[in-house]
N, C-alpha and C. Protein backbone atom coordinates (compact mmCIF):
# COMPACT_ATOMS: atom_id res chain seq x y z
N MET A 1 -83.09 102.03 -61.08
CA MET A 1 -84.10 102.76 -61.86
C MET A 1 -84.31 102.04 -63.18
N ALA A 2 -85.53 101.78 -63.49
CA ALA A 2 -85.86 101.06 -64.73
C ALA A 2 -85.65 101.99 -65.93
N VAL A 3 -85.16 101.41 -67.01
CA VAL A 3 -84.94 102.15 -68.25
C VAL A 3 -85.73 101.48 -69.34
N ASP A 4 -86.67 102.23 -69.93
CA ASP A 4 -87.53 101.66 -70.97
C ASP A 4 -86.86 101.70 -72.34
N SER A 5 -86.01 102.69 -72.57
CA SER A 5 -85.37 102.81 -73.88
C SER A 5 -84.25 101.79 -74.02
N PRO A 6 -83.88 101.45 -75.24
CA PRO A 6 -82.73 100.57 -75.46
C PRO A 6 -81.47 101.23 -74.90
N VAL A 7 -80.53 100.38 -74.44
CA VAL A 7 -79.31 100.86 -73.80
C VAL A 7 -78.09 100.30 -74.52
N VAL A 8 -77.08 101.13 -74.69
CA VAL A 8 -75.80 100.67 -75.21
C VAL A 8 -74.74 100.96 -74.15
N GLN A 9 -73.88 99.99 -73.91
CA GLN A 9 -72.81 100.14 -72.92
C GLN A 9 -71.47 100.06 -73.65
N VAL A 10 -70.60 101.03 -73.40
CA VAL A 10 -69.32 101.10 -74.09
C VAL A 10 -68.19 101.42 -73.11
N ARG A 11 -66.99 101.19 -73.59
CA ARG A 11 -65.78 101.58 -72.85
C ARG A 11 -65.03 102.61 -73.68
N GLY A 12 -64.74 103.73 -73.08
CA GLY A 12 -63.96 104.76 -73.75
C GLY A 12 -62.54 104.77 -73.23
N GLU A 13 -61.58 104.91 -74.13
CA GLU A 13 -60.17 104.84 -73.74
C GLU A 13 -59.39 105.99 -74.37
N ALA A 14 -58.31 106.35 -73.71
CA ALA A 14 -57.38 107.35 -74.24
C ALA A 14 -55.97 106.98 -73.85
N TYR A 15 -55.07 107.17 -74.78
CA TYR A 15 -53.66 106.85 -74.56
C TYR A 15 -52.84 108.01 -75.13
N ARG A 16 -51.97 108.56 -74.32
CA ARG A 16 -51.16 109.68 -74.75
C ARG A 16 -49.71 109.49 -74.32
N GLU A 17 -48.79 110.00 -75.11
CA GLU A 17 -47.40 110.12 -74.70
C GLU A 17 -47.08 111.60 -74.65
N VAL A 18 -46.66 112.06 -73.48
CA VAL A 18 -46.42 113.48 -73.27
C VAL A 18 -45.03 113.67 -72.68
N PRO A 19 -44.43 114.85 -72.87
CA PRO A 19 -43.10 115.10 -72.31
C PRO A 19 -43.14 115.09 -70.78
N PRO A 20 -42.09 114.62 -70.13
CA PRO A 20 -42.05 114.63 -68.66
C PRO A 20 -41.94 116.04 -68.14
N GLU A 21 -42.35 116.22 -66.90
CA GLU A 21 -42.29 117.53 -66.26
C GLU A 21 -41.26 117.59 -65.13
N LEU A 22 -40.90 116.43 -64.61
CA LEU A 22 -39.95 116.34 -63.51
C LEU A 22 -38.91 115.25 -63.81
N ALA A 23 -37.74 115.42 -63.24
CA ALA A 23 -36.71 114.38 -63.27
C ALA A 23 -36.15 114.23 -61.86
N ARG A 24 -36.06 112.99 -61.40
CA ARG A 24 -35.48 112.73 -60.08
C ARG A 24 -34.23 111.89 -60.23
N PHE A 25 -33.28 112.13 -59.37
CA PHE A 25 -32.11 111.27 -59.29
C PHE A 25 -31.62 111.21 -57.86
N ALA A 26 -30.81 110.18 -57.57
CA ALA A 26 -30.31 109.95 -56.21
C ALA A 26 -28.82 110.18 -56.15
N VAL A 27 -28.37 110.83 -55.09
CA VAL A 27 -26.95 111.08 -54.86
C VAL A 27 -26.57 110.42 -53.55
N THR A 28 -25.61 109.51 -53.57
CA THR A 28 -25.19 108.79 -52.38
C THR A 28 -23.72 109.04 -52.10
N ALA A 29 -23.45 109.62 -50.94
CA ALA A 29 -22.08 109.82 -50.48
C ALA A 29 -21.70 108.67 -49.54
N THR A 30 -20.51 108.12 -49.69
CA THR A 30 -20.09 106.98 -48.87
C THR A 30 -18.75 107.26 -48.22
N ALA A 31 -18.47 106.49 -47.17
CA ALA A 31 -17.19 106.58 -46.48
C ALA A 31 -16.90 105.23 -45.82
N ARG A 32 -15.62 104.91 -45.70
CA ARG A 32 -15.20 103.67 -45.05
C ARG A 32 -13.86 103.88 -44.39
N ASP A 33 -13.75 103.42 -43.15
CA ASP A 33 -12.48 103.53 -42.43
C ASP A 33 -12.50 102.54 -41.27
N ARG A 34 -11.31 102.19 -40.79
CA ARG A 34 -11.27 101.30 -39.63
C ARG A 34 -11.78 101.97 -38.38
N ASP A 35 -11.65 103.28 -38.33
CA ASP A 35 -12.09 104.05 -37.15
C ASP A 35 -13.47 104.62 -37.39
N ARG A 36 -14.36 104.44 -36.44
CA ARG A 36 -15.73 104.90 -36.61
C ARG A 36 -15.81 106.42 -36.72
N GLU A 37 -15.08 107.13 -35.87
CA GLU A 37 -15.13 108.58 -35.91
C GLU A 37 -14.62 109.11 -37.24
N ALA A 38 -13.56 108.49 -37.76
CA ALA A 38 -13.04 108.91 -39.05
C ALA A 38 -14.06 108.68 -40.16
N THR A 39 -14.76 107.56 -40.09
CA THR A 39 -15.80 107.27 -41.09
C THR A 39 -16.88 108.32 -41.04
N LEU A 40 -17.36 108.65 -39.84
CA LEU A 40 -18.42 109.65 -39.70
C LEU A 40 -17.96 111.02 -40.16
N THR A 41 -16.71 111.36 -39.86
CA THR A 41 -16.18 112.67 -40.28
C THR A 41 -16.12 112.77 -41.80
N ARG A 42 -15.59 111.74 -42.45
CA ARG A 42 -15.51 111.75 -43.92
C ARG A 42 -16.89 111.79 -44.55
N LEU A 43 -17.82 111.02 -43.97
CA LEU A 43 -19.16 111.00 -44.51
C LEU A 43 -19.80 112.39 -44.41
N ALA A 44 -19.63 113.04 -43.27
CA ALA A 44 -20.19 114.37 -43.09
C ALA A 44 -19.57 115.38 -44.08
N GLU A 45 -18.26 115.26 -44.28
CA GLU A 45 -17.60 116.17 -45.23
C GLU A 45 -18.09 115.97 -46.65
N ARG A 46 -18.25 114.71 -47.06
CA ARG A 46 -18.70 114.43 -48.43
C ARG A 46 -20.17 114.82 -48.62
N ALA A 47 -20.98 114.60 -47.61
CA ALA A 47 -22.37 115.03 -47.69
C ALA A 47 -22.47 116.54 -47.76
N ALA A 48 -21.60 117.23 -47.03
CA ALA A 48 -21.58 118.70 -47.07
C ALA A 48 -21.17 119.20 -48.44
N ALA A 49 -20.21 118.51 -49.08
CA ALA A 49 -19.80 118.90 -50.43
C ALA A 49 -20.94 118.75 -51.43
N VAL A 50 -21.73 117.71 -51.25
CA VAL A 50 -22.91 117.51 -52.10
C VAL A 50 -23.90 118.65 -51.90
N ARG A 51 -24.12 119.02 -50.63
CA ARG A 51 -25.05 120.12 -50.33
C ARG A 51 -24.59 121.43 -50.94
N VAL A 52 -23.29 121.68 -50.92
CA VAL A 52 -22.76 122.92 -51.50
C VAL A 52 -23.05 122.98 -53.00
N LEU A 53 -22.84 121.86 -53.68
CA LEU A 53 -23.12 121.82 -55.11
C LEU A 53 -24.61 122.04 -55.39
N LEU A 54 -25.45 121.41 -54.59
CA LEU A 54 -26.89 121.57 -54.80
C LEU A 54 -27.33 122.98 -54.46
N ASP A 55 -26.73 123.59 -53.44
CA ASP A 55 -27.07 124.97 -53.09
C ASP A 55 -26.71 125.92 -54.23
N GLY A 56 -25.65 125.60 -54.98
CA GLY A 56 -25.23 126.47 -56.06
C GLY A 56 -25.90 126.18 -57.39
N SER A 57 -26.84 125.25 -57.38
CA SER A 57 -27.50 124.89 -58.65
C SER A 57 -28.62 125.84 -59.03
N GLY A 58 -29.00 126.74 -58.13
CA GLY A 58 -30.03 127.72 -58.43
C GLY A 58 -31.42 127.09 -58.53
N PRO A 59 -32.30 127.70 -59.33
CA PRO A 59 -33.68 127.23 -59.42
C PRO A 59 -33.85 125.92 -60.16
N ALA A 60 -32.78 125.36 -60.72
CA ALA A 60 -32.90 124.08 -61.44
C ALA A 60 -33.37 122.97 -60.51
N VAL A 61 -32.95 123.03 -59.24
CA VAL A 61 -33.37 122.03 -58.25
C VAL A 61 -34.65 122.51 -57.57
N ALA A 62 -35.73 121.77 -57.81
CA ALA A 62 -37.00 122.14 -57.22
C ALA A 62 -37.17 121.60 -55.80
N ARG A 63 -36.50 120.46 -55.53
CA ARG A 63 -36.67 119.84 -54.22
C ARG A 63 -35.55 118.85 -53.97
N ARG A 64 -35.17 118.70 -52.73
CA ARG A 64 -34.21 117.67 -52.35
C ARG A 64 -34.57 117.11 -50.98
N GLU A 65 -34.38 115.81 -50.84
CA GLU A 65 -34.77 115.13 -49.61
C GLU A 65 -33.71 114.10 -49.24
N THR A 66 -33.28 114.13 -47.98
CA THR A 66 -32.36 113.12 -47.48
C THR A 66 -33.19 112.00 -46.87
N GLY A 67 -33.07 110.81 -47.47
CA GLY A 67 -33.98 109.76 -47.03
C GLY A 67 -33.32 108.48 -46.56
N ASP A 68 -31.99 108.37 -46.63
CA ASP A 68 -31.37 107.09 -46.28
C ASP A 68 -29.97 107.35 -45.72
N LEU A 69 -29.85 107.26 -44.41
CA LEU A 69 -28.56 107.40 -43.73
C LEU A 69 -28.22 106.05 -43.08
N ARG A 70 -27.05 105.51 -43.43
CA ARG A 70 -26.64 104.21 -42.89
C ARG A 70 -25.21 104.28 -42.36
N VAL A 71 -25.02 103.71 -41.19
CA VAL A 71 -23.70 103.52 -40.62
C VAL A 71 -23.67 102.10 -40.06
N ARG A 72 -22.75 101.29 -40.56
CA ARG A 72 -22.74 99.88 -40.12
C ARG A 72 -21.31 99.40 -39.96
N PRO A 73 -21.13 98.44 -39.04
CA PRO A 73 -19.79 97.86 -38.86
C PRO A 73 -19.55 96.70 -39.82
N GLU A 74 -18.32 96.52 -40.20
CA GLU A 74 -17.92 95.37 -41.00
C GLU A 74 -17.14 94.42 -40.08
N THR A 75 -17.61 93.20 -39.95
CA THR A 75 -16.97 92.25 -39.05
C THR A 75 -16.36 91.10 -39.84
N ARG A 76 -15.49 90.37 -39.18
CA ARG A 76 -14.92 89.18 -39.81
C ARG A 76 -16.01 88.10 -39.91
N ARG A 77 -15.76 87.13 -40.75
CA ARG A 77 -16.75 86.10 -40.97
C ARG A 77 -17.10 85.37 -39.68
N SER A 78 -16.13 85.17 -38.84
CA SER A 78 -16.38 84.53 -37.54
C SER A 78 -16.11 85.53 -36.43
N GLY A 79 -17.05 85.60 -35.53
CA GLY A 79 -16.90 86.52 -34.41
C GLY A 79 -17.49 87.89 -34.69
N GLU A 80 -17.31 88.79 -33.72
CA GLU A 80 -17.89 90.13 -33.79
C GLU A 80 -16.83 91.22 -33.83
N ARG A 81 -15.61 90.87 -34.14
CA ARG A 81 -14.56 91.87 -34.21
C ARG A 81 -14.79 92.80 -35.40
N VAL A 82 -14.87 94.08 -35.13
CA VAL A 82 -15.10 95.08 -36.18
C VAL A 82 -13.79 95.41 -36.87
N VAL A 83 -13.76 95.25 -38.17
CA VAL A 83 -12.54 95.56 -38.93
C VAL A 83 -12.66 96.88 -39.69
N ALA A 84 -13.88 97.38 -39.87
CA ALA A 84 -14.07 98.67 -40.56
C ALA A 84 -15.49 99.15 -40.34
N TRP A 85 -15.68 100.43 -40.61
CA TRP A 85 -17.01 101.04 -40.53
C TRP A 85 -17.40 101.60 -41.88
N HIS A 86 -18.64 101.38 -42.26
CA HIS A 86 -19.16 101.89 -43.52
C HIS A 86 -20.26 102.91 -43.24
N GLY A 87 -20.27 103.97 -43.98
CA GLY A 87 -21.32 104.97 -43.84
C GLY A 87 -21.80 105.45 -45.20
N SER A 88 -23.08 105.76 -45.31
CA SER A 88 -23.62 106.30 -46.56
C SER A 88 -24.82 107.18 -46.24
N VAL A 89 -25.02 108.16 -47.09
CA VAL A 89 -26.20 109.03 -46.96
C VAL A 89 -26.68 109.36 -48.37
N THR A 90 -27.98 109.20 -48.61
CA THR A 90 -28.56 109.38 -49.93
C THR A 90 -29.52 110.56 -49.95
N THR A 91 -29.39 111.37 -50.95
CA THR A 91 -30.29 112.52 -51.16
C THR A 91 -30.99 112.35 -52.50
N THR A 92 -32.30 112.49 -52.49
CA THR A 92 -33.09 112.44 -53.72
C THR A 92 -33.32 113.87 -54.20
N VAL A 93 -32.99 114.12 -55.44
CA VAL A 93 -33.06 115.48 -56.01
C VAL A 93 -34.12 115.51 -57.11
N THR A 94 -34.98 116.53 -57.06
CA THR A 94 -36.01 116.72 -58.09
C THR A 94 -35.65 117.96 -58.90
N VAL A 95 -35.59 117.78 -60.22
CA VAL A 95 -35.15 118.85 -61.12
C VAL A 95 -36.24 119.15 -62.12
N THR A 96 -36.47 120.42 -62.40
CA THR A 96 -37.46 120.84 -63.40
C THR A 96 -36.80 121.41 -64.65
N ASP A 97 -35.56 121.85 -64.54
CA ASP A 97 -34.82 122.40 -65.68
C ASP A 97 -33.95 121.29 -66.26
N PHE A 98 -34.43 120.65 -67.32
CA PHE A 98 -33.71 119.51 -67.88
C PHE A 98 -32.42 119.92 -68.61
N THR A 99 -32.30 121.18 -69.00
CA THR A 99 -31.08 121.62 -69.67
C THR A 99 -29.88 121.59 -68.73
N ALA A 100 -30.13 121.70 -67.44
CA ALA A 100 -29.04 121.70 -66.46
C ALA A 100 -28.85 120.33 -65.80
N LEU A 101 -29.69 119.37 -66.14
CA LEU A 101 -29.71 118.08 -65.45
C LEU A 101 -28.41 117.31 -65.65
N GLY A 102 -27.99 117.13 -66.90
CA GLY A 102 -26.80 116.33 -67.17
C GLY A 102 -25.56 116.92 -66.51
N GLU A 103 -25.39 118.22 -66.63
CA GLU A 103 -24.23 118.87 -66.04
C GLU A 103 -24.23 118.72 -64.52
N LEU A 104 -25.39 118.89 -63.90
CA LEU A 104 -25.49 118.79 -62.45
C LEU A 104 -25.16 117.37 -61.98
N MET A 105 -25.67 116.36 -62.67
CA MET A 105 -25.41 114.98 -62.27
C MET A 105 -23.92 114.65 -62.39
N LEU A 106 -23.29 115.12 -63.45
CA LEU A 106 -21.86 114.84 -63.62
C LEU A 106 -21.00 115.59 -62.62
N ARG A 107 -21.39 116.80 -62.28
CA ARG A 107 -20.63 117.55 -61.27
C ARG A 107 -20.70 116.86 -59.92
N LEU A 108 -21.88 116.31 -59.60
CA LEU A 108 -22.01 115.56 -58.35
C LEU A 108 -21.21 114.26 -58.39
N ALA A 109 -21.27 113.57 -59.54
CA ALA A 109 -20.55 112.30 -59.67
C ALA A 109 -19.05 112.49 -59.65
N ASP A 110 -18.58 113.71 -59.92
CA ASP A 110 -17.14 113.98 -59.93
C ASP A 110 -16.57 114.16 -58.52
N GLN A 111 -17.45 114.16 -57.52
CA GLN A 111 -16.99 114.27 -56.13
C GLN A 111 -16.43 112.93 -55.64
N ASP A 112 -15.56 113.01 -54.65
CA ASP A 112 -14.93 111.81 -54.10
C ASP A 112 -15.94 110.93 -53.40
N GLN A 113 -15.97 109.64 -53.77
CA GLN A 113 -16.82 108.62 -53.13
C GLN A 113 -18.30 109.03 -53.15
N VAL A 114 -18.75 109.46 -54.31
CA VAL A 114 -20.16 109.83 -54.50
C VAL A 114 -20.70 109.06 -55.70
N GLU A 115 -21.86 108.45 -55.52
CA GLU A 115 -22.54 107.76 -56.61
C GLU A 115 -23.83 108.49 -56.96
N VAL A 116 -24.10 108.61 -58.25
CA VAL A 116 -25.32 109.25 -58.74
C VAL A 116 -26.07 108.24 -59.58
N ALA A 117 -27.37 108.11 -59.32
CA ALA A 117 -28.20 107.15 -60.06
C ALA A 117 -29.48 107.86 -60.53
N GLY A 118 -29.90 107.55 -61.74
CA GLY A 118 -31.08 108.16 -62.32
C GLY A 118 -30.79 108.57 -63.76
N PRO A 119 -31.61 109.44 -64.32
CA PRO A 119 -32.82 110.06 -63.74
C PRO A 119 -34.07 109.20 -63.93
N TRP A 120 -35.07 109.52 -63.12
CA TRP A 120 -36.39 108.92 -63.27
C TRP A 120 -37.33 110.04 -63.70
N TRP A 121 -37.93 109.89 -64.86
CA TRP A 121 -38.77 110.94 -65.44
C TRP A 121 -40.20 110.77 -64.95
N GLU A 122 -40.87 111.89 -64.67
CA GLU A 122 -42.22 111.84 -64.13
C GLU A 122 -43.06 113.03 -64.62
N LEU A 123 -44.36 112.90 -64.40
CA LEU A 123 -45.27 114.03 -64.53
C LEU A 123 -45.65 114.51 -63.14
N ARG A 124 -46.03 115.76 -63.03
CA ARG A 124 -46.55 116.26 -61.76
C ARG A 124 -47.89 115.56 -61.45
N PRO A 125 -48.19 115.33 -60.18
CA PRO A 125 -49.47 114.69 -59.84
C PRO A 125 -50.68 115.45 -60.38
N ASP A 126 -50.57 116.78 -60.44
CA ASP A 126 -51.68 117.60 -60.93
C ASP A 126 -51.47 118.04 -62.38
N SER A 127 -50.70 117.29 -63.13
CA SER A 127 -50.42 117.66 -64.52
C SER A 127 -51.69 117.75 -65.34
N PRO A 128 -51.83 118.76 -66.19
CA PRO A 128 -52.99 118.86 -67.07
C PRO A 128 -53.12 117.66 -68.02
N ALA A 129 -52.03 116.91 -68.20
CA ALA A 129 -52.08 115.75 -69.09
C ALA A 129 -53.07 114.69 -68.58
N HIS A 130 -53.20 114.55 -67.27
CA HIS A 130 -54.14 113.58 -66.71
C HIS A 130 -55.59 113.99 -67.03
N ARG A 131 -55.88 115.27 -66.86
CA ARG A 131 -57.24 115.77 -67.13
C ARG A 131 -57.56 115.63 -68.63
N ALA A 132 -56.58 115.94 -69.46
CA ALA A 132 -56.81 115.83 -70.91
C ALA A 132 -57.10 114.40 -71.32
N ALA A 133 -56.41 113.45 -70.71
CA ALA A 133 -56.64 112.03 -71.04
C ALA A 133 -58.04 111.60 -70.59
N ARG A 134 -58.47 112.04 -69.44
CA ARG A 134 -59.82 111.68 -68.97
C ARG A 134 -60.90 112.24 -69.89
N HIS A 135 -60.71 113.49 -70.32
CA HIS A 135 -61.67 114.09 -71.24
C HIS A 135 -61.69 113.33 -72.58
N ALA A 136 -60.50 112.93 -73.03
CA ALA A 136 -60.41 112.19 -74.29
C ALA A 136 -61.09 110.82 -74.17
N ALA A 137 -61.00 110.19 -73.00
CA ALA A 137 -61.65 108.89 -72.80
C ALA A 137 -63.17 109.03 -72.85
N ILE A 138 -63.69 110.11 -72.28
CA ILE A 138 -65.13 110.35 -72.33
C ILE A 138 -65.59 110.59 -73.77
N SER A 139 -64.81 111.38 -74.50
CA SER A 139 -65.15 111.65 -75.91
C SER A 139 -65.13 110.36 -76.72
N ASP A 140 -64.18 109.47 -76.40
CA ASP A 140 -64.10 108.20 -77.11
C ASP A 140 -65.32 107.34 -76.79
N ALA A 141 -65.76 107.34 -75.55
CA ALA A 141 -66.95 106.56 -75.19
C ALA A 141 -68.19 107.06 -75.92
N LEU A 142 -68.35 108.37 -75.98
CA LEU A 142 -69.49 108.94 -76.68
C LEU A 142 -69.44 108.63 -78.17
N LEU A 143 -68.26 108.71 -78.76
CA LEU A 143 -68.11 108.41 -80.18
C LEU A 143 -68.47 106.94 -80.46
N ARG A 144 -68.03 106.03 -79.60
CA ARG A 144 -68.34 104.62 -79.80
C ARG A 144 -69.85 104.37 -79.68
N ALA A 145 -70.46 105.01 -78.70
CA ALA A 145 -71.91 104.83 -78.50
C ALA A 145 -72.67 105.33 -79.73
N ARG A 146 -72.24 106.46 -80.27
CA ARG A 146 -72.92 107.00 -81.45
C ARG A 146 -72.74 106.07 -82.67
N GLU A 147 -71.54 105.50 -82.79
CA GLU A 147 -71.31 104.59 -83.91
C GLU A 147 -72.18 103.34 -83.81
N TYR A 148 -72.29 102.79 -82.59
CA TYR A 148 -73.16 101.62 -82.43
C TYR A 148 -74.61 101.98 -82.71
N ALA A 149 -75.03 103.16 -82.22
CA ALA A 149 -76.41 103.57 -82.44
C ALA A 149 -76.68 103.78 -83.93
N GLU A 150 -75.75 104.41 -84.63
CA GLU A 150 -75.93 104.65 -86.07
C GLU A 150 -76.00 103.34 -86.84
N ALA A 151 -75.26 102.35 -86.40
CA ALA A 151 -75.30 101.05 -87.06
C ALA A 151 -76.68 100.40 -86.93
N LEU A 152 -77.41 100.82 -85.92
CA LEU A 152 -78.77 100.29 -85.69
C LEU A 152 -79.84 101.23 -86.23
N GLY A 153 -79.42 102.31 -86.87
CA GLY A 153 -80.37 103.29 -87.34
C GLY A 153 -80.99 104.09 -86.21
N ALA A 154 -80.23 104.26 -85.12
CA ALA A 154 -80.74 104.99 -83.96
C ALA A 154 -79.77 106.13 -83.63
N ARG A 155 -80.06 106.81 -82.53
CA ARG A 155 -79.19 107.88 -82.07
C ARG A 155 -79.11 107.86 -80.55
N VAL A 156 -78.01 108.37 -80.02
CA VAL A 156 -77.84 108.46 -78.57
C VAL A 156 -78.76 109.56 -78.03
N THR A 157 -79.46 109.22 -76.96
CA THR A 157 -80.42 110.21 -76.43
C THR A 157 -80.01 110.75 -75.05
N SER A 158 -79.43 109.90 -74.20
CA SER A 158 -79.05 110.39 -72.86
C SER A 158 -78.00 109.48 -72.23
N LEU A 159 -77.36 110.00 -71.21
CA LEU A 159 -76.36 109.26 -70.45
C LEU A 159 -77.01 108.68 -69.19
N ILE A 160 -76.82 107.41 -68.97
CA ILE A 160 -77.34 106.76 -67.76
C ILE A 160 -76.28 106.71 -66.67
N GLU A 161 -75.09 106.29 -67.06
CA GLU A 161 -74.03 106.07 -66.05
C GLU A 161 -72.66 106.27 -66.68
N LEU A 162 -71.77 106.85 -65.87
CA LEU A 162 -70.39 107.03 -66.30
C LEU A 162 -69.50 106.67 -65.12
N ALA A 163 -68.55 105.74 -65.33
CA ALA A 163 -67.67 105.31 -64.26
C ALA A 163 -66.22 105.26 -64.74
N ASP A 164 -65.34 105.67 -63.87
CA ASP A 164 -63.91 105.62 -64.19
C ASP A 164 -63.47 104.16 -64.15
N ALA A 165 -62.79 103.74 -65.21
CA ALA A 165 -62.33 102.35 -65.28
C ALA A 165 -60.90 102.27 -65.79
N GLY A 166 -60.21 103.36 -65.72
CA GLY A 166 -58.89 103.42 -66.34
C GLY A 166 -57.80 102.82 -65.50
N PRO A 167 -56.77 102.29 -66.15
CA PRO A 167 -55.59 101.82 -65.43
C PRO A 167 -54.80 103.00 -64.91
N ALA A 168 -54.02 102.75 -63.89
CA ALA A 168 -53.17 103.81 -63.34
C ALA A 168 -52.12 104.22 -64.37
N ASP A 169 -51.76 105.50 -64.33
CA ASP A 169 -50.69 105.97 -65.22
C ASP A 169 -49.40 105.25 -64.86
N ARG A 170 -48.61 104.94 -65.87
CA ARG A 170 -47.39 104.20 -65.63
C ARG A 170 -46.19 105.02 -66.06
N PRO A 171 -45.59 105.77 -65.12
CA PRO A 171 -44.43 106.57 -65.49
C PRO A 171 -43.28 105.69 -65.98
N MET A 172 -42.57 106.17 -66.97
CA MET A 172 -41.41 105.46 -67.47
C MET A 172 -40.17 106.10 -66.86
N PHE A 173 -39.10 105.34 -66.80
CA PHE A 173 -37.89 105.89 -66.24
C PHE A 173 -36.68 105.35 -66.97
N ALA A 174 -35.62 106.10 -66.82
CA ALA A 174 -34.32 105.64 -67.32
C ALA A 174 -33.35 105.70 -66.16
N ARG A 175 -32.45 104.75 -66.09
CA ARG A 175 -31.53 104.72 -64.97
C ARG A 175 -30.09 104.69 -65.49
N ALA A 176 -29.27 105.54 -64.92
CA ALA A 176 -27.84 105.53 -65.21
C ALA A 176 -27.13 105.68 -63.87
N ALA A 177 -25.93 105.20 -63.78
CA ALA A 177 -25.17 105.30 -62.54
C ALA A 177 -23.81 105.89 -62.83
N PHE A 178 -23.39 106.79 -61.93
CA PHE A 178 -22.08 107.42 -62.07
C PHE A 178 -21.38 107.31 -60.73
N ALA A 179 -20.18 106.85 -60.73
CA ALA A 179 -19.40 106.75 -59.50
C ALA A 179 -18.36 107.87 -59.48
N GLY A 180 -18.28 108.55 -58.36
CA GLY A 180 -17.35 109.66 -58.23
C GLY A 180 -15.90 109.20 -58.35
N GLY A 181 -15.12 110.03 -59.01
CA GLY A 181 -13.73 109.64 -59.25
C GLY A 181 -12.72 110.44 -58.48
N GLY A 182 -13.18 111.43 -57.70
CA GLY A 182 -12.22 112.14 -56.89
C GLY A 182 -11.83 113.49 -57.41
N GLY A 183 -12.65 114.09 -58.26
CA GLY A 183 -12.42 115.48 -58.66
C GLY A 183 -11.23 115.68 -59.57
N ALA A 184 -11.20 115.01 -60.67
CA ALA A 184 -10.09 115.16 -61.62
C ALA A 184 -10.09 116.56 -62.20
N GLY A 185 -8.90 117.05 -62.56
CA GLY A 185 -8.80 118.41 -63.10
C GLY A 185 -9.49 118.54 -64.44
N GLY A 186 -9.90 119.79 -64.75
CA GLY A 186 -10.53 120.04 -66.03
C GLY A 186 -12.03 119.94 -66.00
N GLY A 187 -12.59 119.42 -64.90
CA GLY A 187 -14.04 119.35 -64.78
C GLY A 187 -14.62 118.16 -65.51
N PRO A 188 -15.86 117.82 -65.21
CA PRO A 188 -16.50 116.66 -65.83
C PRO A 188 -16.87 116.94 -67.29
N PRO A 189 -16.98 115.90 -68.11
CA PRO A 189 -17.40 116.09 -69.50
C PRO A 189 -18.88 116.47 -69.56
N GLU A 190 -19.30 116.89 -70.73
CA GLU A 190 -20.71 117.24 -70.91
C GLU A 190 -21.53 115.99 -71.14
N LEU A 191 -22.76 115.99 -70.63
CA LEU A 191 -23.65 114.86 -70.80
C LEU A 191 -25.03 115.39 -71.19
N GLU A 192 -25.52 114.96 -72.32
CA GLU A 192 -26.84 115.39 -72.79
C GLU A 192 -27.82 114.25 -72.59
N LEU A 193 -28.90 114.50 -71.88
CA LEU A 193 -29.89 113.47 -71.58
C LEU A 193 -31.16 113.73 -72.40
N ASP A 194 -31.77 112.67 -72.87
CA ASP A 194 -33.02 112.77 -73.64
C ASP A 194 -34.19 112.37 -72.75
N PRO A 195 -35.05 113.31 -72.38
CA PRO A 195 -36.20 112.98 -71.54
C PRO A 195 -37.09 111.92 -72.19
N GLN A 196 -37.55 110.97 -71.41
CA GLN A 196 -38.41 109.91 -71.93
C GLN A 196 -39.87 110.35 -71.85
N PRO A 197 -40.63 110.19 -72.95
CA PRO A 197 -42.06 110.49 -72.91
C PRO A 197 -42.76 109.67 -71.85
N GLN A 198 -43.77 110.27 -71.25
CA GLN A 198 -44.54 109.60 -70.20
C GLN A 198 -45.86 109.10 -70.76
N THR A 199 -46.24 107.92 -70.37
CA THR A 199 -47.50 107.33 -70.80
C THR A 199 -48.62 107.78 -69.88
N VAL A 200 -49.66 108.35 -70.46
CA VAL A 200 -50.85 108.74 -69.71
C VAL A 200 -52.04 108.01 -70.31
N GLN A 201 -52.76 107.28 -69.47
CA GLN A 201 -53.90 106.50 -69.93
C GLN A 201 -55.12 106.80 -69.08
N ALA A 202 -56.28 106.68 -69.69
CA ALA A 202 -57.54 106.83 -68.98
C ALA A 202 -58.59 105.97 -69.67
N ALA A 203 -59.55 105.50 -68.90
CA ALA A 203 -60.64 104.69 -69.48
C ALA A 203 -61.89 104.88 -68.64
N VAL A 204 -63.03 104.83 -69.30
CA VAL A 204 -64.32 104.97 -68.61
C VAL A 204 -65.29 103.91 -69.14
N GLN A 205 -66.23 103.53 -68.29
CA GLN A 205 -67.36 102.71 -68.70
C GLN A 205 -68.59 103.62 -68.72
N ALA A 206 -69.34 103.56 -69.80
CA ALA A 206 -70.50 104.45 -69.93
C ALA A 206 -71.70 103.68 -70.47
N ARG A 207 -72.87 104.07 -70.01
CA ARG A 207 -74.13 103.50 -70.50
C ARG A 207 -75.01 104.64 -71.00
N PHE A 208 -75.51 104.47 -72.22
CA PHE A 208 -76.34 105.49 -72.84
C PHE A 208 -77.67 104.86 -73.26
N THR A 209 -78.71 105.67 -73.23
CA THR A 209 -79.95 105.26 -73.88
C THR A 209 -79.90 105.70 -75.33
N ILE A 210 -80.54 104.92 -76.18
CA ILE A 210 -80.61 105.28 -77.59
C ILE A 210 -82.08 105.22 -78.05
N SER A 211 -82.36 105.86 -79.15
CA SER A 211 -83.71 105.80 -79.69
C SER A 211 -84.00 104.39 -80.23
N ASP A 212 -85.24 104.12 -80.53
CA ASP A 212 -85.61 102.78 -81.01
C ASP A 212 -84.85 102.47 -82.30
N PRO A 213 -84.17 101.32 -82.35
CA PRO A 213 -83.42 100.95 -83.55
C PRO A 213 -84.34 100.71 -84.73
N VAL A 214 -83.81 100.90 -85.92
CA VAL A 214 -84.52 100.56 -87.15
C VAL A 214 -83.93 99.26 -87.64
N LEU A 215 -84.63 98.17 -87.41
CA LEU A 215 -84.14 96.84 -87.77
C LEU A 215 -84.82 96.32 -89.00
N GLY A 216 -84.05 95.57 -89.77
CA GLY A 216 -84.64 94.95 -90.95
C GLY A 216 -84.66 95.85 -92.17
């Protein structure tokens, strides 16, 4: 469509740092024995102990998923003689109550042959922060267009085109690892975690018509 009026094209951007809404961490129970049945039995017992702790965590745990079960033989460097069996099972846990996060991770890490890694901080996919950033990017585009028009002695008259041009949001994460020590008496120490702010970005390309500039 032909446009007779002068046109200004701008890019609007928005950058925000907002508190995370979710924290994820991984819990891996392991077992090793020369006998395969013994390895599987120990692995099942340790995985069950993890489940009991998660069951008792109440509403702090929003979701948990078992995503990696491995059982493999260990052989000598030469030949296929099996000298031991290794087993592991990993559960990914999603937590919304950050006040209980540190305690929960340490309680899990205090179990025998259990490793805990994380947390990874995130926003919900439908977080209002994404919508707010998009609105801010549009406002920035309109502000820039008006500034360019004013510099020419003109004003913005209408919108021709608006297109999303923003980079994907880039969640930040922090990683820590805890290896289980076998349930020492007295319980695990306290651990306070500081949630990492999440980066939310949005950008748009916009074209506006403006009134005739006043030049000279």
